[in-house]
Amino acid sequence: MSSFPAVSVLLPCYDAATTLEEALASLEAQTLTDWEVIAVDDGSTDTTLKILQEWSRGDGRFRVLEQQHGGIIEALNAGLAECRGMYVARMDADDRCHPERLAMQKRFLGEHPEIALAGCLVEGFPAEQVREGFRIYMDWQNSLVNNADIRREMFIESPFAHPSVMFRREWVERVGGYQEHGWPEDYDLWLRLYLAGAHFGKVPQVLLEWRETPQRLTRTDSRYALENFLRLKAQSLAYGPLQGREAVFIWGAGMMGRRLGKQLQNQQAPLAAYIDIDPMKIGHTRRGLPILAPEELLEWWKRYSNPILLAAVGARGARPLIRERLEEYGLNEGKDWLFCA
């Protein structure tokens, strides 16, 4: 029988003293007891390291790594190298786990050996600080539970809250761990797993409380700027869904479609045309490509044996309208077209 814990919790920490005890207490309260926490202090300047050391002295399952400040990716990879469990659960130092989280995600992965990474539903807190955009994003994430739905909408946004996931360590090691490319490290990992053929899933229950704060990395780190998301999407599209395609159509000649088109051209994607409903744009060009009315799409579509359409409209409420129109045209989501915004 293995002496290693079943689950390793990977917990990077940087200047987290004000919230860390709450996060650690939520891990200590887990109904699953067969776990270790690999807490990486990334050169904190407050009392984070002292707190971690005190918890480690009180409970040997809390293991502390110290390093000079190198950023989230260095901390994640240093911690991952020390994880001994078959399953690795991510956790952030300002969030809270429900007591059943580790037990339910471990059980879920055990019952679904084909799944490489399992998330869960999340809710934001404190309630009075949850902004509308954050709530809409969580609602979208929480609507994606099974593998088909997650993979279908993988190119819209990150379909997982990073601190909500538990993954098979061997899968993440197989695709090269966390990597630095100047874009979001978590979304980059999901997309590399996607391209490697990994299956995804979620426990359909809220098991993580995700703290809303102005200091969230997604708001303060340049890697999370829109242009860097689009660079990541374009590269992953080029390595995956665009392979073997003769032509790429982009639905949306506005800001989002235009910027995605620029990044796709940098990837040498065979862009054919933009599609837009705005009469002020139809008949003009974007980056040397014609802007067509939706009614013209099928005529152009028939010119190619294996085209694909990428829907990139940032306006809220646009997705169901685009989906309805493309279904009317007989195009299959996931095969003929994908949402990318």
C-alpha atoms as a PDB file:
ATOM      1  CA  MET A   1       0.000   0.000   0.000  1.00  0.00           C
ATOM      2  CA  SER A   2       1.374   3.415  -1.013  1.00  0.00           C
ATOM      3  CA  SER A   3       2.522   5.739   1.749  1.00  0.00           C
ATOM      4  CA  PHE A   4       1.834   8.709  -0.506  1.00  0.00           C
ATOM      5  CA  PRO A   5      -1.334  10.759   0.014  1.00  0.00           C
ATOM      6  CA  ALA A   6      -4.156  10.323  -2.456  1.00  0.00           C
ATOM      7  CA  VAL A   7      -4.454  14.073  -3.110  1.00  0.00           C
ATOM      8  CA  SER A   8      -1.838  16.820  -3.146  1.00  0.00           C
ATOM      9  CA  VAL A   9      -3.164  20.362  -2.825  1.00  0.00           C
ATOM     10  CA  LEU A  10      -0.984  22.826  -4.746  1.00  0.00           C
ATOM     11  CA  LEU A  11      -1.137  26.189  -2.977  1.00  0.00           C
ATOM     12  CA  PRO A  12       1.070  29.087  -4.157  1.00  0.00           C
ATOM     13  CA  CYS A  13       1.153  32.021  -1.729  1.00  0.00           C
ATOM     14  CA  TYR A  14       2.382  35.573  -2.055  1.00  0.00           C
ATOM     15  CA  ASP A  15       1.638  38.282   0.529  1.00  0.00           C
ATOM     16  CA  ALA A  16      -1.577  36.477   1.437  1.00  0.00           C
ATOM     17  CA  ALA A  17      -1.550  36.922   5.203  1.00  0.00           C
ATOM     18  CA  THR A  18      -4.974  38.575   5.380  1.00  0.00           C
ATOM     19  CA  THR A  19      -6.820  35.628   3.782  1.00  0.00           C
ATOM     20  CA  LEU A  20      -4.494  32.644   4.149  1.00  0.00           C
ATOM     21  CA  GLU A  21      -5.768  31.323   7.482  1.00  0.00           C
ATOM     22  CA  GLU A  22      -9.294  31.115   6.107  1.00  0.00           C
ATOM     23  CA  ALA A  23      -8.093  29.115   3.104  1.00  0.00           C
ATOM     24  CA  LEU A  24      -6.008  26.761   5.249  1.00  0.00           C
ATOM     25  CA  ALA A  25      -8.868  26.208   7.696  1.00  0.00           C
ATOM     26  CA  SER A  26     -11.139  25.193   4.811  1.00  0.00           C
ATOM     27  CA  LEU A  27      -8.566  22.592   3.772  1.00  0.00           C
ATOM     28  CA  GLU A  28      -8.115  21.291   7.309  1.00  0.00           C
ATOM     29  CA  ALA A  29     -11.895  20.814   7.514  1.00  0.00           C
ATOM     30  CA  GLN A  30     -12.030  18.447   4.528  1.00  0.00           C
ATOM     31  CA  THR A  31     -13.939  15.209   5.047  1.00  0.00           C
ATOM     32  CA  LEU A  32     -11.205  13.458   3.045  1.00  0.00           C
ATOM     33  CA  THR A  33      -8.208  13.082   5.338  1.00  0.00           C
ATOM     34  CA  ASP A  34      -5.714  11.470   2.939  1.00  0.00           C
ATOM     35  CA  TRP A  35      -4.137  14.648   1.570  1.00  0.00           C
ATOM     36  CA  GLU A  36      -1.099  16.880   1.734  1.00  0.00           C
ATOM     37  CA  VAL A  37      -0.866  20.611   1.086  1.00  0.00           C
ATOM     38  CA  ILE A  38       2.195  21.795  -0.804  1.00  0.00           C
ATOM     39  CA  ALA A  39       2.264  25.485   0.123  1.00  0.00           C
ATOM     40  CA  VAL A  40       4.818  27.507  -1.828  1.00  0.00           C
ATOM     41  CA  ASP A  41       5.768  30.842  -0.287  1.00  0.00           C
ATOM     42  CA  ASP A  42       6.851  32.938  -3.259  1.00  0.00           C
ATOM     43  CA  GLY A  43       9.063  35.369  -1.373  1.00  0.00           C
ATOM     44  CA  SER A  44       6.281  37.042   0.605  1.00  0.00           C
ATOM     45  CA  THR A  45       7.054  40.316   2.371  1.00  0.00           C
ATOM     46  CA  ASP A  46       4.298  39.956   4.999  1.00  0.00           C
ATOM     47  CA  THR A  47       3.663  37.188   7.561  1.00  0.00           C
ATOM     48  CA  THR A  48       2.551  34.587   4.992  1.00  0.00           C
ATOM     49  CA  LEU A  49       5.589  32.342   5.577  1.00  0.00           C
ATOM     50  CA  LYS A  50       5.202  32.527   9.358  1.00  0.00           C
ATOM     51  CA  ILE A  51       1.541  31.488   9.094  1.00  0.00           C
ATOM     52  CA  LEU A  52       2.421  28.547   6.849  1.00  0.00           C
ATOM     53  CA  GLN A  53       5.178  27.401   9.194  1.00  0.00           C
ATOM     54  CA  GLU A  54       2.844  27.551  12.208  1.00  0.00           C
ATOM     55  CA  TRP A  55       0.256  25.422  10.405  1.00  0.00           C
ATOM     56  CA  SER A  56       2.947  22.961   9.313  1.00  0.00           C
ATOM     57  CA  ARG A  57       4.132  22.532  12.922  1.00  0.00           C
ATOM     58  CA  GLY A  58       0.553  21.858  13.974  1.00  0.00           C
ATOM     59  CA  ASP A  59      -0.275  19.421  11.163  1.00  0.00           C
ATOM     60  CA  GLY A  60       2.452  17.640   9.203  1.00  0.00           C
ATOM     61  CA  ARG A  61       0.195  17.325   6.172  1.00  0.00           C
ATOM     62  CA  PHE A  62       0.929  21.008   5.495  1.00  0.00           C
ATOM     63  CA  ARG A  63       4.325  21.097   3.764  1.00  0.00           C
ATOM     64  CA  VAL A  64       5.999  24.464   3.145  1.00  0.00           C
ATOM     65  CA  LEU A  65       8.382  25.395   0.342  1.00  0.00           C
ATOM     66  CA  GLU A  66      10.241  28.696   0.372  1.00  0.00           C
ATOM     67  CA  GLN A  67      11.561  30.469  -2.701  1.00  0.00           C
ATOM     68  CA  GLN A  68      12.591  33.932  -3.787  1.00  0.00           C
ATOM     69  CA  HIS A  69       9.815  35.856  -5.488  1.00  0.00           C
ATOM     70  CA  GLY A  70       9.586  34.454  -9.006  1.00  0.00           C
ATOM     71  CA  GLY A  71       5.912  34.709  -9.839  1.00  0.00           C
ATOM     72  CA  ILE A  72       2.984  32.336 -10.042  1.00  0.00           C
ATOM     73  CA  ILE A  73       4.361  29.989 -12.718  1.00  0.00           C
ATOM     74  CA  GLU A  74       7.639  29.342 -10.930  1.00  0.00           C
ATOM     75  CA  ALA A  75       5.724  28.755  -7.693  1.00  0.00           C
ATOM     76  CA  LEU A  76       3.288  26.361  -9.353  1.00  0.00           C
ATOM     77  CA  ASN A  77       6.008  24.273 -10.996  1.00  0.00           C
ATOM     78  CA  ALA A  78       8.117  24.174  -7.819  1.00  0.00           C
ATOM     79  CA  GLY A  79       5.095  22.965  -5.893  1.00  0.00           C
ATOM     80  CA  LEU A  80       4.011  20.504  -8.577  1.00  0.00           C
ATOM     81  CA  ALA A  81       7.443  18.860  -8.473  1.00  0.00           C
ATOM     82  CA  GLU A  82       6.878  18.152  -4.759  1.00  0.00           C
ATOM     83  CA  CYS A  83       3.342  16.784  -5.117  1.00  0.00           C
ATOM     84  CA  ARG A  84       3.219  13.071  -4.320  1.00  0.00           C
ATOM     85  CA  GLY A  85      -0.455  12.360  -4.882  1.00  0.00           C
ATOM     86  CA  MET A  86      -1.922  10.820  -8.017  1.00  0.00           C
ATOM     87  CA  TYR A  87      -4.399  13.696  -7.987  1.00  0.00           C
ATOM     88  CA  VAL A  88      -3.427  17.343  -7.623  1.00  0.00           C
ATOM     89  CA  ALA A  89      -5.976  19.891  -6.477  1.00  0.00           C
ATOM     90  CA  ARG A  90      -5.313  23.571  -7.051  1.00  0.00           C
ATOM     91  CA  MET A  91      -6.152  26.094  -4.376  1.00  0.00           C
ATOM     92  CA  ASP A  92      -5.476  29.801  -3.951  1.00  0.00           C
ATOM     93  CA  ALA A  93      -4.632  31.513  -0.685  1.00  0.00           C
ATOM     94  CA  ASP A  94      -7.679  33.780  -0.776  1.00  0.00           C
ATOM     95  CA  ASP A  95     -10.411  31.242  -1.567  1.00  0.00           C
ATOM     96  CA  ARG A  96     -12.406  28.711   0.471  1.00  0.00           C
ATOM     97  CA  CYS A  97     -13.156  25.023  -0.139  1.00  0.00           C
ATOM     98  CA  HIS A  98     -16.376  23.356   0.918  1.00  0.00           C
ATOM     99  CA  PRO A  99     -15.675  20.429   3.272  1.00  0.00           C
ATOM    100  CA  GLU A 100     -16.601  17.796   0.672  1.00  0.00           C
ATOM    101  CA  ARG A 101     -14.530  19.284  -2.147  1.00  0.00           C
ATOM    102  CA  LEU A 102     -11.504  16.968  -2.154  1.00  0.00           C
ATOM    103  CA  ALA A 103     -13.564  13.855  -1.441  1.00  0.00           C
ATOM    104  CA  MET A 104     -16.061  14.539  -4.219  1.00  0.00           C
ATOM    105  CA  GLN A 105     -13.485  15.448  -6.861  1.00  0.00           C
ATOM    106  CA  LYS A 106     -11.323  12.425  -5.987  1.00  0.00           C
ATOM    107  CA  ARG A 107     -14.379  10.173  -6.201  1.00  0.00           C
ATOM    108  CA  PHE A 108     -15.385  11.754  -9.511  1.00  0.00           C
ATOM    109  CA  LEU A 109     -11.964  11.132 -11.076  1.00  0.00           C
ATOM    110  CA  GLY A 110     -11.915   7.602  -9.693  1.00  0.00           C
ATOM    111  CA  GLU A 111     -15.287   6.859 -11.276  1.00  0.00           C
ATOM    112  CA  HIS A 112     -14.292   8.484 -14.607  1.00  0.00           C
ATOM    113  CA  PRO A 113     -10.802   7.232 -15.519  1.00  0.00           C
ATOM    114  CA  GLU A 114     -11.064   8.874 -18.943  1.00  0.00           C
ATOM    115  CA  ILE A 115     -11.157  12.372 -17.425  1.00  0.00           C
ATOM    116  CA  ALA A 116      -7.826  14.165 -17.021  1.00  0.00           C
ATOM    117  CA  LEU A 117      -9.068  17.239 -15.165  1.00  0.00           C
ATOM    118  CA  ALA A 118     -12.169  17.815 -13.065  1.00  0.00           C
ATOM    119  CA  GLY A 119     -13.532  21.129 -11.906  1.00  0.00           C
ATOM    120  CA  CYS A 120     -16.610  21.997  -9.892  1.00  0.00           C
ATOM    121  CA  LEU A 121     -19.153  24.772  -9.730  1.00  0.00           C
ATOM    122  CA  VAL A 122     -18.033  27.971  -8.030  1.00  0.00           C
ATOM    123  CA  GLU A 123     -19.646  30.940  -6.335  1.00  0.00           C
ATOM    124  CA  GLY A 124     -18.207  34.380  -5.718  1.00  0.00           C
ATOM    125  CA  PHE A 125     -17.746  36.058  -2.350  1.00  0.00           C
ATOM    126  CA  PRO A 126     -18.103  38.440  -0.592  1.00  0.00           C
ATOM    127  CA  ALA A 127     -21.479  38.827  -2.277  1.00  0.00           C
ATOM    128  CA  GLU A 128     -21.481  42.620  -2.084  1.00  0.00           C
ATOM    129  CA  GLN A 129     -18.196  42.810  -4.031  1.00  0.00           C
ATOM    130  CA  VAL A 130     -19.129  40.453  -6.889  1.00  0.00           C
ATOM    131  CA  ARG A 131     -19.332  42.577 -10.028  1.00  0.00           C
ATOM    132  CA  GLU A 132     -21.781  41.882 -12.828  1.00  0.00           C
ATOM    133  CA  GLY A 133     -19.072  40.842 -15.294  1.00  0.00           C
ATOM    134  CA  PHE A 134     -17.599  38.383 -12.794  1.00  0.00           C
ATOM    135  CA  ARG A 135     -21.060  36.953 -12.076  1.00  0.00           C
ATOM    136  CA  ILE A 136     -21.793  36.504 -15.795  1.00  0.00           C
ATOM    137  CA  TYR A 137     -18.452  34.752 -16.245  1.00  0.00           C
ATOM    138  CA  MET A 138     -19.129  32.397 -13.319  1.00  0.00           C
ATOM    139  CA  ASP A 139     -22.626  31.644 -14.632  1.00  0.00           C
ATOM    140  CA  TRP A 140     -21.115  30.701 -17.999  1.00  0.00           C
ATOM    141  CA  GLN A 141     -18.444  28.530 -16.362  1.00  0.00           C
ATOM    142  CA  ASN A 142     -21.031  26.815 -14.188  1.00  0.00           C
ATOM    143  CA  SER A 143     -23.150  26.010 -17.260  1.00  0.00           C
ATOM    144  CA  LEU A 144     -20.333  23.844 -18.675  1.00  0.00           C
ATOM    145  CA  VAL A 145     -20.269  20.540 -16.827  1.00  0.00           C
ATOM    146  CA  ASN A 146     -19.663  17.634 -19.196  1.00  0.00           C
ATOM    147  CA  ASN A 147     -16.760  17.009 -21.562  1.00  0.00           C
ATOM    148  CA  ALA A 148     -18.689  17.788 -24.756  1.00  0.00           C
ATOM    149  CA  ASP A 149     -19.868  21.182 -23.506  1.00  0.00           C
ATOM    150  CA  ILE A 150     -16.468  22.148 -22.100  1.00  0.00           C
ATOM    151  CA  ARG A 151     -14.590  21.224 -25.270  1.00  0.00           C
ATOM    152  CA  ARG A 152     -17.217  22.874 -27.479  1.00  0.00           C
ATOM    153  CA  GLU A 153     -16.788  26.229 -25.736  1.00  0.00           C
ATOM    154  CA  MET A 154     -13.086  25.953 -24.887  1.00  0.00           C
ATOM    155  CA  PHE A 155     -12.129  28.878 -27.114  1.00  0.00           C
ATOM    156  CA  ILE A 156     -14.581  31.367 -25.606  1.00  0.00           C
ATOM    157  CA  GLU A 157     -12.755  31.785 -22.300  1.00  0.00           C
ATOM    158  CA  SER A 158     -11.168  29.655 -19.596  1.00  0.00           C
ATOM    159  CA  PRO A 159     -13.947  27.169 -18.700  1.00  0.00           C
ATOM    160  CA  PHE A 160     -12.486  26.495 -15.241  1.00  0.00           C
ATOM    161  CA  ALA A 161     -11.674  28.607 -12.227  1.00  0.00           C
ATOM    162  CA  HIS A 162      -8.053  27.635 -11.679  1.00  0.00           C
ATOM    163  CA  PRO A 163      -8.375  27.050  -7.892  1.00  0.00           C
ATOM    164  CA  SER A 164     -11.411  24.810  -8.475  1.00  0.00           C
ATOM    165  CA  VAL A 165      -9.671  22.041 -10.433  1.00  0.00           C
ATOM    166  CA  MET A 166      -8.264  18.645  -9.541  1.00  0.00           C
ATOM    167  CA  PHE A 167      -6.199  16.889 -12.189  1.00  0.00           C
ATOM    168  CA  ARG A 168      -4.278  13.698 -12.751  1.00  0.00           C
ATOM    169  CA  ARG A 169      -0.640  14.650 -12.158  1.00  0.00           C
ATOM    170  CA  GLU A 170       0.571  12.386 -14.971  1.00  0.00           C
ATOM    171  CA  TRP A 171      -1.539  14.251 -17.533  1.00  0.00           C
ATOM    172  CA  VAL A 172      -0.197  17.682 -16.593  1.00  0.00           C
ATOM    173  CA  GLU A 173       3.374  16.392 -16.507  1.00  0.00           C
ATOM    174  CA  ARG A 174       2.809  14.825 -19.933  1.00  0.00           C
ATOM    175  CA  VAL A 175       1.964  18.188 -21.516  1.00  0.00           C
ATOM    176  CA  GLY A 176       4.846  20.028 -19.856  1.00  0.00           C
ATOM    177  CA  GLY A 177       3.414  21.463 -16.636  1.00  0.00           C
ATOM    178  CA  TYR A 178       2.815  25.175 -16.296  1.00  0.00           C
ATOM    179  CA  GLN A 179       4.544  27.321 -18.910  1.00  0.00           C
ATOM    180  CA  GLU A 180       5.401  30.996 -19.359  1.00  0.00           C
ATOM    181  CA  HIS A 181       4.406  32.487 -22.704  1.00  0.00           C
ATOM    182  CA  GLY A 182       3.184  35.902 -21.653  1.00  0.00           C
ATOM    183  CA  TRP A 183      -0.451  34.821 -21.453  1.00  0.00           C
ATOM    184  CA  PRO A 184      -2.647  33.180 -18.751  1.00  0.00           C
ATOM    185  CA  GLU A 185      -0.899  30.069 -17.410  1.00  0.00           C
ATOM    186  CA  ASP A 186      -4.099  28.246 -16.477  1.00  0.00           C
ATOM    187  CA  TYR A 187      -5.929  28.736 -19.786  1.00  0.00           C
ATOM    188  CA  ASP A 188      -2.702  27.794 -21.575  1.00  0.00           C
ATOM    189  CA  LEU A 189      -2.633  24.504 -19.639  1.00  0.00           C
ATOM    190  CA  TRP A 190      -6.281  23.706 -20.387  1.00  0.00           C
ATOM    191  CA  LEU A 191      -5.698  24.336 -24.102  1.00  0.00           C
ATOM    192  CA  ARG A 192      -2.594  22.146 -24.200  1.00  0.00           C
ATOM    193  CA  LEU A 193      -4.579  19.385 -22.501  1.00  0.00           C
ATOM    194  CA  TYR A 194      -7.392  19.951 -25.029  1.00  0.00           C
ATOM    195  CA  LEU A 195      -4.958  19.645 -27.946  1.00  0.00           C
ATOM    196  CA  ALA A 196      -3.537  16.458 -26.401  1.00  0.00           C
ATOM    197  CA  GLY A 197      -7.032  14.918 -26.449  1.00  0.00           C
ATOM    198  CA  ALA A 198      -7.777  15.173 -22.734  1.00  0.00           C
ATOM    199  CA  HIS A 199     -11.322  14.796 -21.446  1.00  0.00           C
ATOM    200  CA  PHE A 200     -12.758  17.212 -18.907  1.00  0.00           C
ATOM    201  CA  GLY A 201     -15.643  17.248 -16.451  1.00  0.00           C
ATOM    202  CA  LYS A 202     -17.032  18.924 -13.360  1.00  0.00           C
ATOM    203  CA  VAL A 203     -18.662  17.850 -10.158  1.00  0.00           C
ATOM    204  CA  PRO A 204     -22.052  19.576 -10.632  1.00  0.00           C
ATOM    205  CA  GLN A 205     -22.030  21.155  -7.198  1.00  0.00           C
ATOM    206  CA  VAL A 206     -20.561  24.344  -5.720  1.00  0.00           C
ATOM    207  CA  LEU A 207     -17.390  23.215  -3.941  1.00  0.00           C
ATOM    208  CA  LEU A 208     -15.286  26.381  -4.130  1.00  0.00           C
ATOM    209  CA  GLU A 209     -15.944  29.928  -3.011  1.00  0.00           C
ATOM    210  CA  TRP A 210     -13.969  32.210  -5.326  1.00  0.00           C
ATOM    211  CA  ARG A 211     -12.983  35.520  -3.782  1.00  0.00           C
ATOM    212  CA  GLU A 212     -13.732  38.666  -5.780  1.00  0.00           C
ATOM    213  CA  THR A 213     -11.079  41.317  -5.241  1.00  0.00           C
ATOM    214  CA  PRO A 214      -9.600  44.230  -7.187  1.00  0.00           C
ATOM    215  CA  GLN A 215      -6.176  42.637  -6.634  1.00  0.00           C
ATOM    216  CA  ARG A 216      -7.061  39.513  -8.627  1.00  0.00           C
ATOM    217  CA  LEU A 217      -4.265  38.637 -11.079  1.00  0.00           C
ATOM    218  CA  THR A 218      -6.748  38.721 -13.945  1.00  0.00           C
ATOM    219  CA  ARG A 219      -7.095  42.462 -13.289  1.00  0.00           C
ATOM    220  CA  THR A 220      -3.505  43.359 -12.439  1.00  0.00           C
ATOM    221  CA  ASP A 221      -1.273  41.078 -14.539  1.00  0.00           C
ATOM    222  CA  SER A 222      -0.577  42.036 -18.165  1.00  0.00           C
ATOM    223  CA  ARG A 223      -0.654  38.358 -19.132  1.00  0.00           C
ATOM    224  CA  TYR A 224      -4.436  38.584 -18.780  1.00  0.00           C
ATOM    225  CA  ALA A 225      -4.811  41.478 -21.240  1.00  0.00           C
ATOM    226  CA  LEU A 226      -7.226  40.770 -24.105  1.00  0.00           C
ATOM    227  CA  GLU A 227      -4.476  40.749 -26.734  1.00  0.00           C
ATOM    228  CA  ASN A 228      -2.629  38.007 -24.872  1.00  0.00           C
ATOM    229  CA  PHE A 229      -5.784  35.900 -24.608  1.00  0.00           C
ATOM    230  CA  LEU A 230      -6.211  36.298 -28.379  1.00  0.00           C
ATOM    231  CA  ARG A 231      -2.585  35.329 -29.052  1.00  0.00           C
ATOM    232  CA  LEU A 232      -3.104  32.170 -27.023  1.00  0.00           C
ATOM    233  CA  LYS A 233      -6.392  31.347 -28.734  1.00  0.00           C
ATOM    234  CA  ALA A 234      -4.934  31.924 -32.212  1.00  0.00           C
ATOM    235  CA  GLN A 235      -1.954  29.655 -31.580  1.00  0.00           C
ATOM    236  CA  SER A 236      -4.122  26.910 -30.086  1.00  0.00           C
ATOM    237  CA  LEU A 237      -6.638  27.180 -32.922  1.00  0.00           C
ATOM    238  CA  ALA A 238      -3.811  26.917 -35.460  1.00  0.00           C
ATOM    239  CA  TYR A 239      -2.434  23.803 -33.735  1.00  0.00           C
ATOM    240  CA  GLY A 240      -5.888  22.223 -33.388  1.00  0.00           C
ATOM    241  CA  PRO A 241      -9.228  23.017 -35.055  1.00  0.00           C
ATOM    242  CA  LEU A 242      -7.676  24.876 -38.008  1.00  0.00           C
ATOM    243  CA  GLN A 243      -5.445  21.976 -39.014  1.00  0.00           C
ATOM    244  CA  GLY A 244      -6.323  20.880 -42.553  1.00  0.00           C
ATOM    245  CA  ARG A 245      -8.802  23.711 -43.136  1.00  0.00           C
ATOM    246  CA  GLU A 246      -8.733  25.400 -46.519  1.00  0.00           C
ATOM    247  CA  ALA A 247     -10.516  28.535 -45.390  1.00  0.00           C
ATOM    248  CA  VAL A 248     -11.355  30.336 -42.163  1.00  0.00           C
ATOM    249  CA  PHE A 249     -14.341  32.664 -41.897  1.00  0.00           C
ATOM    250  CA  ILE A 250     -14.662  35.027 -38.946  1.00  0.00           C
ATOM    251  CA  TRP A 251     -18.165  36.029 -37.857  1.00  0.00           C
ATOM    252  CA  GLY A 252     -17.728  39.528 -36.496  1.00  0.00           C
ATOM    253  CA  ALA A 253     -15.872  42.392 -38.163  1.00  0.00           C
ATOM    254  CA  GLY A 254     -15.882  44.509 -35.011  1.00  0.00           C
ATOM    255  CA  MET A 255     -13.118  44.936 -32.479  1.00  0.00           C
ATOM    256  CA  MET A 256     -13.034  41.317 -31.278  1.00  0.00           C
ATOM    257  CA  GLY A 257     -13.149  39.718 -34.725  1.00  0.00           C
ATOM    258  CA  ARG A 258     -10.634  42.172 -36.129  1.00  0.00           C
ATOM    259  CA  ARG A 259      -8.120  41.514 -33.355  1.00  0.00           C
ATOM    260  CA  LEU A 260      -8.590  37.749 -33.545  1.00  0.00           C
ATOM    261  CA  GLY A 261      -8.107  37.974 -37.317  1.00  0.00           C
ATOM    262  CA  LYS A 262      -4.804  39.801 -36.819  1.00  0.00           C
ATOM    263  CA  GLN A 263      -3.523  37.067 -34.494  1.00  0.00           C
ATOM    264  CA  LEU A 264      -4.711  34.320 -36.855  1.00  0.00           C
ATOM    265  CA  GLN A 265      -2.912  35.954 -39.764  1.00  0.00           C
ATOM    266  CA  ASN A 266       0.223  35.932 -37.614  1.00  0.00           C
ATOM    267  CA  GLN A 267      -0.312  32.161 -37.403  1.00  0.00           C
ATOM    268  CA  GLN A 268      -0.603  31.940 -41.206  1.00  0.00           C
ATOM    269  CA  ALA A 269      -4.245  30.828 -40.983  1.00  0.00           C
ATOM    270  CA  PRO A 270      -6.051  30.822 -44.367  1.00  0.00           C
ATOM    271  CA  LEU A 271      -8.568  33.594 -43.654  1.00  0.00           C
ATOM    272  CA  ALA A 272     -11.189  33.956 -46.383  1.00  0.00           C
ATOM    273  CA  ALA A 273     -13.682  36.607 -45.217  1.00  0.00           C
ATOM    274  CA  TYR A 274     -15.475  38.279 -42.330  1.00  0.00           C
ATOM    275  CA  ILE A 275     -19.217  37.974 -41.738  1.00  0.00           C
ATOM    276  CA  ASP A 276     -21.145  40.837 -40.138  1.00  0.00           C
ATOM    277  CA  ILE A 277     -24.725  42.077 -39.773  1.00  0.00           C
ATOM    278  CA  ASP A 278     -23.803  45.774 -39.740  1.00  0.00           C
ATOM    279  CA  PRO A 279     -24.799  47.334 -43.113  1.00  0.00           C
ATOM    280  CA  MET A 280     -22.137  50.004 -42.562  1.00  0.00           C
ATOM    281  CA  LYS A 281     -19.447  47.295 -42.670  1.00  0.00           C
ATOM    282  CA  ILE A 282     -20.839  44.910 -45.298  1.00  0.00           C
ATOM    283  CA  GLY A 283     -19.155  45.403 -48.660  1.00  0.00           C
ATOM    284  CA  HIS A 284     -15.994  46.857 -47.139  1.00  0.00           C
ATOM    285  CA  THR A 285     -12.816  45.049 -46.130  1.00  0.00           C
ATOM    286  CA  ARG A 286     -10.902  44.223 -42.947  1.00  0.00           C
ATOM    287  CA  ARG A 287      -7.178  43.558 -43.243  1.00  0.00           C
ATOM    288  CA  GLY A 288      -7.643  43.026 -46.963  1.00  0.00           C
ATOM    289  CA  LEU A 289     -10.527  40.556 -46.574  1.00  0.00           C
ATOM    290  CA  PRO A 290     -14.131  41.124 -47.698  1.00  0.00           C
ATOM    291  CA  ILE A 291     -16.894  41.688 -45.158  1.00  0.00           C
ATOM    292  CA  LEU A 292     -19.937  39.649 -46.187  1.00  0.00           C
ATOM    293  CA  ALA A 293     -23.554  39.680 -45.107  1.00  0.00           C
ATOM    294  CA  PRO A 294     -24.695  36.455 -43.378  1.00  0.00           C
ATOM    295  CA  GLU A 295     -26.795  35.629 -46.441  1.00  0.00           C
ATOM    296  CA  GLU A 296     -23.611  35.411 -48.521  1.00  0.00           C
ATOM    297  CA  LEU A 297     -21.893  32.895 -46.271  1.00  0.00           C
ATOM    298  CA  LEU A 298     -23.197  29.676 -47.801  1.00  0.00           C
ATOM    299  CA  GLU A 299     -22.285  30.732 -51.332  1.00  0.00           C
ATOM    300  CA  TRP A 300     -18.716  31.326 -50.211  1.00  0.00           C
ATOM    301  CA  TRP A 301     -18.744  28.233 -47.990  1.00  0.00           C
ATOM    302  CA  LYS A 302     -19.398  25.972 -50.982  1.00  0.00           C
ATOM    303  CA  ARG A 303     -16.197  27.133 -52.644  1.00  0.00           C
ATOM    304  CA  TYR A 304     -14.149  25.092 -50.169  1.00  0.00           C
ATOM    305  CA  SER A 305     -14.134  21.425 -49.236  1.00  0.00           C
ATOM    306  CA  ASN A 306     -13.190  21.874 -45.576  1.00  0.00           C
ATOM    307  CA  PRO A 307     -13.826  25.412 -44.255  1.00  0.00           C
ATOM    308  CA  ILE A 308     -14.421  26.519 -40.667  1.00  0.00           C
ATOM    309  CA  LEU A 309     -16.121  29.547 -39.134  1.00  0.00           C
ATOM    310  CA  LEU A 310     -15.027  31.235 -35.914  1.00  0.00           C
ATOM    311  CA  ALA A 311     -17.657  33.374 -34.204  1.00  0.00           C
ATOM    312  CA  ALA A 312     -15.946  36.318 -32.485  1.00  0.00           C
ATOM    313  CA  VAL A 313     -18.546  38.852 -31.377  1.00  0.00           C
ATOM    314  CA  GLY A 314     -18.023  40.317 -27.931  1.00  0.00           C
ATOM    315  CA  ALA A 315     -21.512  41.794 -27.487  1.00  0.00           C
ATOM    316  CA  ARG A 316     -23.548  40.165 -24.711  1.00  0.00           C
ATOM    317  CA  GLY A 317     -26.481  38.200 -26.043  1.00  0.00           C
ATOM    318  CA  ALA A 318     -24.871  37.621 -29.448  1.00  0.00           C
ATOM    319  CA  ARG A 319     -24.099  33.922 -29.019  1.00  0.00           C
ATOM    320  CA  PRO A 320     -27.657  32.515 -29.110  1.00  0.00           C
ATOM    321  CA  LEU A 321     -28.474  34.642 -32.163  1.00  0.00           C
ATOM    322  CA  ILE A 322     -25.361  33.482 -34.020  1.00  0.00           C
ATOM    323  CA  ARG A 323     -25.968  29.867 -33.010  1.00  0.00           C
ATOM    324  CA  GLU A 324     -29.563  30.041 -34.269  1.00  0.00           C
ATOM    325  CA  ARG A 325     -28.501  31.493 -37.624  1.00  0.00           C
ATOM    326  CA  LEU A 326     -25.733  28.935 -38.198  1.00  0.00           C
ATOM    327  CA  GLU A 327     -28.035  26.072 -37.255  1.00  0.00           C
ATOM    328  CA  GLU A 328     -30.504  27.382 -39.856  1.00  0.00           C
ATOM    329  CA  TYR A 329     -27.671  27.152 -42.392  1.00  0.00           C
ATOM    330  CA  GLY A 330     -27.116  23.507 -41.455  1.00  0.00           C
ATOM    331  CA  LEU A 331     -23.668  24.096 -39.981  1.00  0.00           C
ATOM    332  CA  ASN A 332     -22.639  21.942 -37.018  1.00  0.00           C
ATOM    333  CA  GLU A 333     -21.141  23.551 -33.932  1.00  0.00           C
ATOM    334  CA  GLY A 334     -17.835  21.958 -32.995  1.00  0.00           C
ATOM    335  CA  LYS A 335     -17.311  20.597 -36.508  1.00  0.00           C
ATOM    336  CA  ASP A 336     -18.068  23.457 -38.892  1.00  0.00           C
ATOM    337  CA  TRP A 337     -17.800  26.344 -36.474  1.00  0.00           C
ATOM    338  CA  LEU A 338     -16.739  27.422 -32.981  1.00  0.00           C
ATOM    339  CA  PHE A 339     -17.340  30.334 -30.668  1.00  0.00           C
ATOM    340  CA  CYS A 340     -14.160  32.275 -29.907  1.00  0.00           C
ATOM    341  CA  ALA A 341     -15.687  35.110 -27.875  1.00  0.00           C
END
